[in-house]
Amino acid sequence: MGTDTKIDNYIAGRSAAPISGAYLDNVEPATGQVYSQVADSDERDVEAAVTAAAAAYPAWSHTPAAERSAILLRLADLIDDNLDELARAESVDNGKPLSVARSVDIPRAAANFRFFATAIVHDQSESHATDYSAINYTLRRPRGVAGLISPWNLPLYLFTWKIAPAIATGNTAVAKPSEVTPMTASLLGPLAAEAGLPDGVLNIVQGLGAKVGNAITGHPQIPTISFTGGTLTGAAVAQSAAAQFKKVSLELGGKNATVIFDDADLDQSLPEIVRSAFANQGQICLCGSRLLVQRGLFDEFRTRFVAAAKELRVGDPLSEDSDQGALVSRPHWEKVCSYVDVARSEGGTVECGGAPPAQLPERCKNGFFLEPTVITGLDPQCRTNQEEIFGPVVTLTPFHDEAEALAIANSTRYGLATSIWTSDLGRAHRVAEQIHAGTVWINCWMLRDLRVPFGGMKHSGVGREGGDEALRFFTEPKNVCVKM
């Protein structure tokens, strides 16, 4: 694969070059070198995709659920069959360790299709007897063309998290992957065709958010928008969609707290807490970037956590020996590094990390790497503890009791996720109930069940995805009243 490799759109069941003929450089994060070209699409390409999706909608929306289910199950099998190719493409494109892409991201993409493919054949409708005079029943029908915009941190995993429920429920889709990580999305289209998905049901438009994303969110024939990304962009998406009364789901940023009480079993919990801080180089919206530690355990925890962070091996994402890969792009690497400088200026102490690794393979010498970074001595209200960094940079903050832990944990504008670590089950439930977050894990992290709703509070977004919430989001309820 080289700079002459073109990543095109997928519209109406076939590859489609951008109408402008323009392409963007696609850079491999581990090397800093351009390794392919991605379509620089615009509103004309979106229009072509919407036209294809609208044409496919009548037939697809009336396809029996069992037939839709069978196609999506075949697609899940094809993703499994192409695991190695997809995992390598994601590792090269995103910078994450190949082992993570192979064991988590790509299997989860297949699981997304399997879950929603089986969910639609077990759907239930509601009916209500109104005394003895009438029966009311509720129909749920697909909404039309869904606009789906996904981020770069979990490229195929989150892309399919939107696509699967949208098309499973009978909608057609115009989907935009991040221009920073376009490769796995480009491989999904042909697999969908091979699985038997009719032309136009899934359309993938590559390109910049300012062109493609804006065209999708503003298009009058797209009544439903599902967006995952940054909070500022989410606000713009909401504003654009509001003028046309679109149905919108926004999964946005996080500044998640990891709350560790002094009765936590560190021997059992420390590896998982380290993973929750640094998985995917901290580039997961659910990562715990603020570690709040009760004072009785703080010194021991700091010593052991810093030692564990230092043991993480940062290196070539394609190497089986690497625990941490590269950050996704140079601009993002520069942003994350700038926060280390901010933390120092705010009086923080860098306990470890804060710089690129001293030793890297020759091919990675120009890559976007940063050692896992742990910072202490910062006020909970400082910028480093309030603003989303989205990288391998975490802070340690002591607290005295439950009340202070809650006050600090809830002090940011975000409310996506929290993990609580304690041996006291009563305290775990008390704190979980009072935490302002859409997901709370107790003595675990990232233990996901696709049946439960997923989403955030405050500036972490609106709406919920997952399970019945996703099926409901992509369908419109209609009440029918029959006089008895």
Protein backbone atom coordinates (compact mmCIF):
# COMPACT_ATOMS: atom_id res chain seq x y z
CA MET A 1 0.00 0.00 0.00
CA GLY A 2 1.41 3.41 -0.95
CA THR A 3 0.58 7.00 -1.75
CA ASP A 4 -1.09 5.87 -4.99
CA THR A 5 -3.66 3.84 -3.03
CA LYS A 6 -7.02 5.57 -3.28
CA ILE A 7 -9.76 5.22 -0.63
CA ASP A 8 -13.00 6.09 -2.41
CA ASN A 9 -16.63 6.41 -1.41
CA TYR A 10 -19.09 3.52 -1.46
CA ILE A 11 -22.37 4.64 -3.00
CA ALA A 12 -25.22 2.55 -4.43
CA GLY A 13 -23.27 -0.67 -3.95
CA ARG A 14 -20.09 0.33 -5.74
CA SER A 15 -16.88 2.27 -5.30
CA ALA A 16 -17.21 5.92 -6.31
CA ALA A 17 -14.43 8.46 -6.71
CA PRO A 18 -15.14 11.93 -5.28
CA ILE A 19 -16.91 14.15 -7.76
CA SER A 20 -14.29 16.86 -7.19
CA GLY A 21 -11.48 14.44 -8.05
CA ALA A 22 -9.63 15.69 -4.95
CA TYR A 23 -7.99 13.52 -2.31
CA LEU A 24 -6.53 14.03 1.17
CA ASP A 25 -3.30 12.55 2.49
CA ASN A 26 -3.85 9.64 4.88
CA VAL A 27 -0.96 9.41 7.34
CA GLU A 28 0.15 6.31 9.26
CA PRO A 29 0.47 7.48 12.90
CA ALA A 30 3.32 5.10 13.71
CA THR A 31 5.57 6.46 10.96
CA GLY A 32 4.26 9.96 10.28
CA GLN A 33 4.30 9.09 6.57
CA VAL A 34 1.52 9.31 3.99
CA TYR A 35 0.48 5.79 3.03
CA SER A 36 -2.73 6.36 1.05
CA GLN A 37 -5.12 8.98 -0.29
CA VAL A 38 -8.71 9.40 0.94
CA ALA A 39 -11.55 10.97 -1.02
CA ASP A 40 -12.03 14.67 -0.29
CA SER A 41 -15.78 14.53 -0.85
CA ASP A 42 -18.29 17.37 -0.67
CA GLU A 43 -22.02 18.02 -0.72
CA ARG A 44 -22.34 16.58 -4.25
CA ASP A 45 -21.13 13.19 -3.08
CA VAL A 46 -23.50 13.36 -0.11
CA GLU A 47 -26.33 14.18 -2.49
CA ALA A 48 -25.49 11.11 -4.58
CA ALA A 49 -25.43 8.96 -1.45
CA VAL A 50 -28.78 10.33 -0.22
CA THR A 51 -30.32 9.71 -3.63
CA ALA A 52 -29.13 6.09 -3.53
CA ALA A 53 -30.30 5.61 0.05
CA ALA A 54 -33.72 7.13 -0.65
CA ALA A 55 -34.17 4.91 -3.70
CA ALA A 56 -33.30 1.79 -1.70
CA TYR A 57 -35.49 2.68 1.28
CA PRO A 58 -38.96 1.53 0.11
CA ALA A 59 -37.86 -2.03 -0.67
CA TRP A 60 -35.50 -2.39 2.29
CA SER A 61 -37.97 -1.02 4.82
CA HIS A 62 -40.52 -3.62 3.71
CA THR A 63 -38.04 -6.51 3.66
CA PRO A 64 -39.10 -9.01 6.34
CA ALA A 65 -37.08 -8.82 9.53
CA ALA A 66 -35.90 -12.40 9.15
CA GLU A 67 -34.35 -11.58 5.75
CA ARG A 68 -32.67 -8.45 7.05
CA SER A 69 -31.39 -10.46 10.00
CA ALA A 70 -29.90 -13.17 7.77
CA ILE A 71 -27.98 -10.60 5.69
CA LEU A 72 -26.54 -8.89 8.75
CA LEU A 73 -25.53 -12.23 10.26
CA ARG A 74 -23.70 -13.08 7.03
CA LEU A 75 -21.95 -9.71 7.23
CA ALA A 76 -20.88 -10.47 10.81
CA ASP A 77 -19.43 -13.78 9.64
CA LEU A 78 -17.52 -12.04 6.84
CA ILE A 79 -16.02 -9.60 9.33
CA ASP A 80 -14.82 -12.57 11.37
CA ASP A 81 -13.45 -14.24 8.23
CA ASN A 82 -11.46 -11.11 7.39
CA LEU A 83 -10.30 -10.45 10.95
CA ASP A 84 -6.59 -10.26 10.21
CA GLU A 85 -6.94 -7.91 7.23
CA LEU A 86 -9.31 -5.60 9.08
CA ALA A 87 -7.23 -5.59 12.26
CA ARG A 88 -4.04 -4.75 10.38
CA ALA A 89 -5.82 -1.98 8.45
CA GLU A 90 -7.11 -0.49 11.69
CA SER A 91 -3.74 -0.71 13.41
CA VAL A 92 -1.96 1.01 10.53
CA ASP A 93 -4.69 3.61 10.11
CA ASN A 94 -5.26 4.37 13.80
CA GLY A 95 -1.94 3.64 15.53
CA LYS A 96 -3.39 1.23 18.11
CA PRO A 97 -1.62 -2.04 18.87
CA LEU A 98 -2.49 -4.79 16.42
CA SER A 99 -3.32 -7.09 19.32
CA VAL A 100 -6.02 -4.68 20.52
CA ALA A 101 -7.56 -4.31 17.06
CA ARG A 102 -7.54 -8.09 16.63
CA SER A 103 -8.94 -8.99 20.05
CA VAL A 104 -11.36 -6.10 20.71
CA ASP A 105 -12.24 -3.70 17.90
CA ILE A 106 -12.89 -6.02 14.97
CA PRO A 107 -14.66 -8.77 16.98
CA ARG A 108 -16.85 -6.09 18.53
CA ALA A 109 -17.80 -4.82 15.06
CA ALA A 110 -19.02 -8.32 14.17
CA ALA A 111 -20.82 -8.54 17.52
CA ASN A 112 -22.67 -5.29 16.77
CA PHE A 113 -24.20 -6.78 13.64
CA ARG A 114 -25.04 -10.07 15.38
CA PHE A 115 -26.74 -8.35 18.29
CA PHE A 116 -29.02 -6.13 16.25
CA ALA A 117 -29.63 -8.81 13.60
CA THR A 118 -31.08 -11.09 16.28
CA ALA A 119 -32.79 -8.31 18.24
CA ILE A 120 -35.10 -7.39 15.36
CA VAL A 121 -36.56 -10.90 15.14
CA HIS A 122 -37.56 -10.75 18.82
CA ASP A 123 -39.27 -7.36 18.68
CA GLN A 124 -42.48 -6.84 20.64
CA SER A 125 -45.28 -4.33 20.09
CA GLU A 126 -47.39 -2.67 22.75
CA SER A 127 -51.16 -2.70 23.14
CA HIS A 128 -53.45 -1.11 25.72
CA ALA A 129 -57.10 -1.84 26.38
CA THR A 130 -58.97 1.42 27.05
CA ASP A 131 -61.62 0.11 29.42
CA TYR A 132 -64.10 -1.72 27.17
CA SER A 133 -64.26 0.90 24.45
CA ALA A 134 -61.06 0.58 22.42
CA ILE A 135 -57.71 -1.07 21.94
CA ASN A 136 -54.63 1.05 21.29
CA TYR A 137 -51.56 -0.51 19.77
CA THR A 138 -48.20 0.98 18.83
CA LEU A 139 -46.40 0.44 15.56
CA ARG A 140 -42.71 1.22 15.24
CA ARG A 141 -41.53 1.87 11.71
CA PRO A 142 -38.16 2.94 10.25
CA ARG A 143 -37.63 6.66 9.84
CA GLY A 144 -35.98 6.80 6.39
CA VAL A 145 -32.40 7.75 5.58
CA ALA A 146 -30.15 7.84 8.66
CA GLY A 147 -27.10 10.10 8.78
CA LEU A 148 -24.32 8.40 10.76
CA ILE A 149 -21.09 10.17 11.71
CA SER A 150 -18.46 8.25 13.66
CA PRO A 151 -15.06 9.15 15.21
CA TRP A 152 -11.48 8.02 14.68
CA ASN A 153 -10.66 6.38 18.01
CA LEU A 154 -12.56 3.09 17.48
CA PRO A 155 -13.06 3.28 13.70
CA LEU A 156 -14.92 0.09 12.76
CA TYR A 157 -16.26 -0.65 16.24
CA LEU A 158 -18.21 2.63 16.53
CA PHE A 159 -18.99 2.85 12.79
CA THR A 160 -20.85 -0.47 12.96
CA TRP A 161 -22.38 0.48 16.34
CA LYS A 162 -24.41 3.03 14.37
CA ILE A 163 -24.86 1.22 11.08
CA ALA A 164 -26.11 -2.08 12.55
CA PRO A 165 -29.24 -0.79 14.37
CA ALA A 166 -30.02 1.72 11.63
CA ILE A 167 -30.22 -0.78 8.79
CA ALA A 168 -31.45 -3.65 10.97
CA THR A 169 -34.63 -1.68 11.70
CA GLY A 170 -35.24 -1.01 8.00
CA ASN A 171 -33.62 2.38 7.52
CA THR A 172 -31.02 3.08 4.87
CA ALA A 173 -27.82 4.91 5.75
CA VAL A 174 -25.41 7.59 4.66
CA ALA A 175 -22.41 7.04 6.89
CA LYS A 176 -19.29 9.13 7.34
CA PRO A 177 -16.16 7.72 9.00
CA SER A 178 -13.46 10.03 10.27
CA GLU A 179 -11.16 11.31 7.56
CA VAL A 180 -8.28 10.46 9.92
CA THR A 181 -9.13 6.73 9.92
CA PRO A 182 -10.95 5.85 6.69
CA MET A 183 -9.50 2.44 5.88
CA THR A 184 -11.72 -0.07 7.71
CA ALA A 185 -14.87 1.74 6.59
CA SER A 186 -13.70 1.40 2.99
CA LEU A 187 -13.33 -2.35 3.51
CA LEU A 188 -16.79 -2.69 5.05
CA GLY A 189 -18.71 -1.68 1.92
CA PRO A 190 -17.57 -4.61 -0.27
CA LEU A 191 -18.16 -7.03 2.61
CA ALA A 192 -21.73 -5.72 2.92
CA ALA A 193 -22.27 -6.31 -0.80
CA GLU A 194 -20.85 -9.83 -0.49
CA ALA A 195 -23.25 -10.49 2.39
CA GLY A 196 -26.16 -9.62 0.10
CA LEU A 197 -27.04 -6.14 1.35
CA PRO A 198 -29.00 -4.46 -1.46
CA ASP A 199 -27.38 -1.56 -3.30
CA GLY A 200 -28.01 1.79 -1.66
CA VAL A 201 -28.89 0.49 1.80
CA LEU A 202 -25.42 1.40 3.10
CA ASN A 203 -23.57 4.35 1.58
CA ILE A 204 -20.18 5.50 2.88
CA VAL A 205 -18.94 9.00 2.12
CA GLN A 206 -15.34 9.80 2.99
CA GLY A 207 -14.00 13.28 3.67
CA LEU A 208 -13.82 16.22 6.04
CA GLY A 209 -16.42 17.02 8.65
CA ALA A 210 -16.71 20.61 7.46
CA LYS A 211 -17.79 19.38 4.02
CA VAL A 212 -19.30 15.92 4.34
CA GLY A 213 -20.48 16.06 7.95
CA ASN A 214 -22.18 19.41 7.51
CA ALA A 215 -23.85 18.26 4.30
CA ILE A 216 -25.22 15.18 6.07
CA THR A 217 -26.53 16.99 9.15
CA GLY A 218 -28.14 19.73 7.05
CA HIS A 219 -29.68 17.55 4.34
CA PRO A 220 -33.48 17.84 4.28
CA GLN A 221 -33.96 14.17 3.31
CA ILE A 222 -32.06 12.85 6.36
CA PRO A 223 -34.45 12.95 9.35
CA THR A 224 -32.18 11.08 11.77
CA ILE A 225 -28.64 11.96 12.87
CA SER A 226 -26.37 9.87 15.07
CA PHE A 227 -23.07 11.59 15.86
CA THR A 228 -20.12 10.54 18.00
CA GLY A 229 -17.26 12.99 18.44
CA GLY A 230 -16.13 16.14 20.21
CA THR A 231 -18.46 18.30 22.27
CA LEU A 232 -17.90 21.48 20.23
CA THR A 233 -18.70 19.68 16.99
CA GLY A 234 -21.68 18.04 18.66
CA ALA A 235 -23.07 21.44 19.56
CA ALA A 236 -22.82 22.51 15.91
CA VAL A 237 -24.53 19.28 14.80
CA ALA A 238 -27.36 19.89 17.28
CA GLN A 239 -27.80 23.47 16.09
CA SER A 240 -27.94 22.42 12.45
CA ALA A 241 -30.36 19.57 13.11
CA ALA A 242 -32.65 21.61 15.37
CA ALA A 243 -33.70 23.96 12.57
CA GLN A 244 -35.19 20.98 10.71
CA PHE A 245 -36.49 19.16 13.83
CA LYS A 246 -34.36 16.12 13.16
CA LYS A 247 -34.08 13.29 15.65
CA VAL A 248 -30.54 13.47 17.04
CA SER A 249 -28.29 11.32 19.20
CA LEU A 250 -25.01 12.88 20.36
CA GLU A 251 -22.31 10.83 22.08
CA LEU A 252 -19.71 13.41 23.00
CA GLY A 253 -16.68 13.97 25.21
CA GLY A 254 -15.79 12.78 28.67
CA LYS A 255 -13.55 13.66 31.59
CA ASN A 256 -14.22 10.52 33.52
CA ALA A 257 -13.44 9.94 37.16
CA THR A 258 -11.98 6.72 38.56
CA VAL A 259 -12.87 6.74 42.27
CA ILE A 260 -10.67 4.50 44.43
CA PHE A 261 -11.57 4.09 48.11
CA ASP A 262 -9.01 3.00 50.67
CA ASP A 263 -10.61 -0.43 51.08
CA ALA A 264 -10.10 -1.29 47.39
CA ASP A 265 -8.18 -4.50 46.72
CA LEU A 266 -5.21 -3.14 44.79
CA ASP A 267 -3.76 -6.54 44.00
CA GLN A 268 -6.93 -7.37 42.10
CA SER A 269 -7.92 -3.95 40.78
CA LEU A 270 -4.68 -2.23 39.79
CA PRO A 271 -4.23 -3.90 36.37
CA GLU A 272 -7.79 -2.96 35.39
CA ILE A 273 -7.38 0.61 36.65
CA VAL A 274 -4.20 0.94 34.57
CA ARG A 275 -6.08 -0.39 31.54
CA SER A 276 -8.93 2.05 32.15
CA ALA A 277 -6.45 4.94 32.10
CA PHE A 278 -4.28 4.02 29.12
CA ALA A 279 -6.20 1.66 26.80
CA ASN A 280 -5.84 2.75 23.17
CA GLN A 281 -3.35 5.41 24.36
CA GLY A 282 -6.15 6.97 26.43
CA GLN A 283 -8.09 7.65 23.23
CA ILE A 284 -11.37 6.12 24.37
CA CYS A 285 -14.18 8.38 25.52
CA LEU A 286 -14.70 6.04 28.49
CA CYS A 287 -11.11 6.10 29.77
CA GLY A 288 -10.64 7.31 33.34
CA SER A 289 -8.40 10.36 33.12
CA ARG A 290 -9.03 11.67 36.66
CA LEU A 291 -8.02 9.16 39.33
CA LEU A 292 -9.46 10.16 42.70
CA VAL A 293 -7.81 8.19 45.52
CA GLN A 294 -8.79 8.21 49.21
CA ARG A 295 -5.99 9.66 51.34
CA GLY A 296 -5.39 6.49 53.36
CA LEU A 297 -4.42 4.66 50.17
CA PHE A 298 -3.00 7.53 48.15
CA ASP A 299 0.74 7.07 48.72
CA GLU A 300 0.70 3.32 48.12
CA PHE A 301 -1.53 3.69 45.07
CA ARG A 302 0.66 6.41 43.54
CA THR A 303 3.78 4.28 43.93
CA ARG A 304 2.22 1.18 42.44
CA PHE A 305 0.28 2.94 39.70
CA VAL A 306 3.29 4.92 38.49
CA ALA A 307 5.41 1.75 38.47
CA ALA A 308 2.75 -0.05 36.41
CA ALA A 309 2.50 2.86 33.95
CA LYS A 310 6.28 2.76 33.45
CA GLU A 311 6.09 -0.93 32.61
CA LEU A 312 3.75 -0.38 29.65
CA ARG A 313 5.70 -0.95 26.45
CA VAL A 314 5.29 1.85 23.91
CA GLY A 315 6.26 0.81 20.41
CA ASP A 316 5.36 -0.17 16.88
CA PRO A 317 1.61 -0.92 16.80
CA LEU A 318 2.28 -3.84 14.47
CA SER A 319 4.54 -5.51 17.03
CA GLU A 320 2.99 -8.12 19.30
CA ASP A 321 5.22 -6.80 22.11
CA SER A 322 3.64 -3.33 22.19
CA ASP A 323 1.14 -2.40 24.90
CA GLN A 324 0.78 1.17 23.60
CA GLY A 325 0.90 2.42 20.04
CA ALA A 326 0.88 5.88 18.50
CA LEU A 327 -1.55 8.75 18.91
CA VAL A 328 -3.79 9.10 15.89
CA SER A 329 -2.29 12.20 14.22
CA ARG A 330 0.33 14.90 14.60
CA PRO A 331 -2.20 17.65 15.48
CA HIS A 332 -3.70 15.43 18.16
CA TRP A 333 -0.24 14.49 19.48
CA GLU A 334 0.64 18.18 19.70
CA LYS A 335 -2.60 18.91 21.56
CA VAL A 336 -2.01 16.14 24.11
CA CYS A 337 1.61 17.18 24.64
CA SER A 338 0.51 20.78 25.16
CA TYR A 339 -1.56 19.67 28.15
CA VAL A 340 1.54 18.26 29.81
CA ASP A 341 2.99 21.76 29.57
CA VAL A 342 -0.27 23.20 30.93
CA ALA A 343 -0.13 20.81 33.87
CA ARG A 344 3.42 21.87 34.70
CA SER A 345 2.43 25.53 34.50
CA GLU A 346 -0.44 24.80 36.91
CA GLY A 347 1.99 23.39 39.46
CA GLY A 348 1.64 19.70 38.66
CA THR A 349 4.39 17.14 39.11
CA VAL A 350 4.96 14.73 36.23
CA GLU A 351 5.53 11.42 38.01
CA CYS A 352 6.29 9.55 34.79
CA GLY A 353 6.04 10.02 31.03
CA GLY A 354 5.37 13.42 29.53
CA ALA A 355 7.61 12.83 26.50
CA PRO A 356 8.06 10.49 23.53
CA PRO A 357 9.82 7.19 24.28
CA ALA A 358 13.60 7.33 24.17
CA GLN A 359 13.79 4.17 22.07
CA LEU A 360 11.61 3.37 19.08
CA PRO A 361 12.07 1.14 16.03
CA GLU A 362 13.65 2.87 13.05
CA ARG A 363 10.41 2.88 11.05
CA CYS A 364 8.64 4.66 13.93
CA LYS A 365 11.16 7.42 14.55
CA ASN A 366 8.79 10.06 13.10
CA GLY A 367 5.63 8.60 14.62
CA PHE A 368 3.27 10.25 17.10
CA PHE A 369 4.19 8.48 20.34
CA LEU A 370 3.88 9.59 23.95
CA GLU A 371 4.74 7.67 27.08
CA PRO A 372 1.96 7.01 29.61
CA THR A 373 1.92 10.15 31.73
CA VAL A 374 0.90 10.48 35.38
CA ILE A 375 0.56 13.91 37.03
CA THR A 376 0.02 14.76 40.70
CA GLY A 377 -0.35 17.95 42.74
CA LEU A 378 -3.10 19.64 40.73
CA ASP A 379 -6.24 21.37 41.96
CA PRO A 380 -9.45 19.63 40.85
CA GLN A 381 -10.62 22.86 39.18
CA CYS A 382 -7.53 23.44 37.04
CA ARG A 383 -7.63 23.14 33.26
CA THR A 384 -5.82 19.80 33.23
CA ASN A 385 -8.55 18.33 35.44
CA GLN A 386 -11.46 20.03 33.68
CA GLU A 387 -10.71 19.82 29.95
CA GLU A 388 -10.79 16.69 27.82
CA ILE A 389 -7.25 15.69 26.80
CA PHE A 390 -8.03 12.35 25.13
CA GLY A 391 -4.59 10.86 25.41
CA PRO A 392 -2.32 8.88 27.76
CA VAL A 393 -2.30 11.65 30.39
CA VAL A 394 -3.97 11.10 33.78
CA THR A 395 -4.02 12.95 37.07
CA LEU A 396 -4.03 11.60 40.63
CA THR A 397 -6.02 13.58 43.21
CA PRO A 398 -6.53 12.66 46.91
CA PHE A 399 -9.87 12.92 48.70
CA HIS A 400 -11.00 12.49 52.32
CA ASP A 401 -14.49 10.96 52.23
CA GLU A 402 -17.48 10.10 50.05
CA ALA A 403 -18.77 13.66 50.02
CA GLU A 404 -15.49 15.06 48.74
CA ALA A 405 -15.11 12.26 46.20
CA LEU A 406 -18.57 13.03 44.81
CA ALA A 407 -17.92 16.76 44.74
CA ILE A 408 -14.71 16.30 42.74
CA ALA A 409 -16.10 13.60 40.46
CA ASN A 410 -19.13 15.74 39.57
CA SER A 411 -17.19 18.99 39.19
CA THR A 412 -16.67 18.90 35.42
CA ARG A 413 -19.11 19.78 32.65
CA TYR A 414 -18.94 16.18 31.41
CA GLY A 415 -20.92 13.15 32.58
CA LEU A 416 -20.11 10.12 30.48
CA ALA A 417 -18.69 7.35 32.70
CA THR A 418 -17.21 6.60 36.12
CA SER A 419 -15.64 3.57 37.75
CA ILE A 420 -15.77 2.99 41.51
CA TRP A 421 -13.38 0.71 43.35
CA THR A 422 -14.32 -0.42 46.87
CA SER A 423 -14.99 -3.51 49.00
CA ASP A 424 -18.02 -1.84 50.60
CA LEU A 425 -21.05 -2.77 48.50
CA GLY A 426 -23.33 -0.31 50.28
CA ARG A 427 -20.96 2.56 49.58
CA ALA A 428 -20.61 1.44 45.97
CA HIS A 429 -24.36 1.72 45.44
CA ARG A 430 -24.62 5.05 47.31
CA VAL A 431 -21.86 6.68 45.29
CA ALA A 432 -23.04 5.21 41.97
CA GLU A 433 -26.50 6.69 42.49
CA GLN A 434 -25.08 10.17 43.10
CA ILE A 435 -22.47 10.22 40.34
CA HIS A 436 -23.48 12.38 37.36
CA ALA A 437 -22.59 9.89 34.63
CA GLY A 438 -24.46 7.79 32.13
CA THR A 439 -22.45 4.65 32.93
CA VAL A 440 -21.02 3.64 36.30
CA TRP A 441 -18.81 0.58 36.68
CA ILE A 442 -18.21 -0.91 40.13
CA ASN A 443 -14.95 -2.83 40.56
CA CYS A 444 -14.62 -3.17 36.79
CA TRP A 445 -14.23 -1.07 33.66
CA MET A 446 -15.46 -1.37 30.08
CA LEU A 447 -17.52 -4.44 30.90
CA ARG A 448 -20.19 -3.84 28.25
CA ASP A 449 -23.56 -5.44 27.64
CA LEU A 450 -25.11 -4.46 24.32
CA ARG A 451 -28.60 -4.68 25.82
CA VAL A 452 -28.17 -1.69 28.14
CA PRO A 453 -28.55 1.99 27.16
CA PHE A 454 -25.35 3.91 26.55
CA GLY A 455 -24.79 7.66 26.60
CA GLY A 456 -23.85 10.62 28.76
CA MET A 457 -25.18 13.47 30.84
CA LYS A 458 -24.42 17.21 30.72
CA HIS A 459 -21.95 18.06 27.93
CA SER A 460 -21.28 14.39 27.24
CA GLY A 461 -24.29 14.21 24.97
CA VAL A 462 -28.00 13.59 24.57
CA GLY A 463 -29.90 10.46 23.69
CA ARG A 464 -28.95 6.85 24.29
CA GLU A 465 -27.58 4.10 22.11
CA GLY A 466 -27.48 0.35 22.64
CA GLY A 467 -30.14 -2.32 22.98
CA ASP A 468 -33.77 -1.26 22.82
CA GLU A 469 -32.72 2.39 22.99
CA ALA A 470 -31.03 2.11 19.59
CA LEU A 471 -33.94 0.21 18.07
CA ARG A 472 -36.30 2.90 19.32
CA PHE A 473 -34.07 5.74 18.17
CA PHE A 474 -34.10 4.56 14.57
CA THR A 475 -37.85 3.93 14.47
CA GLU A 476 -40.92 6.16 14.76
CA PRO A 477 -43.79 5.19 17.06
CA LYS A 478 -47.32 5.43 15.72
CA ASN A 479 -50.38 4.83 17.86
CA VAL A 480 -53.40 3.11 16.32
CA CYS A 481 -56.72 3.25 18.20
CA VAL A 482 -59.41 0.71 17.30
CA LYS A 483 -62.93 1.25 18.63
CA MET A 484 -64.41 -1.92 20.08
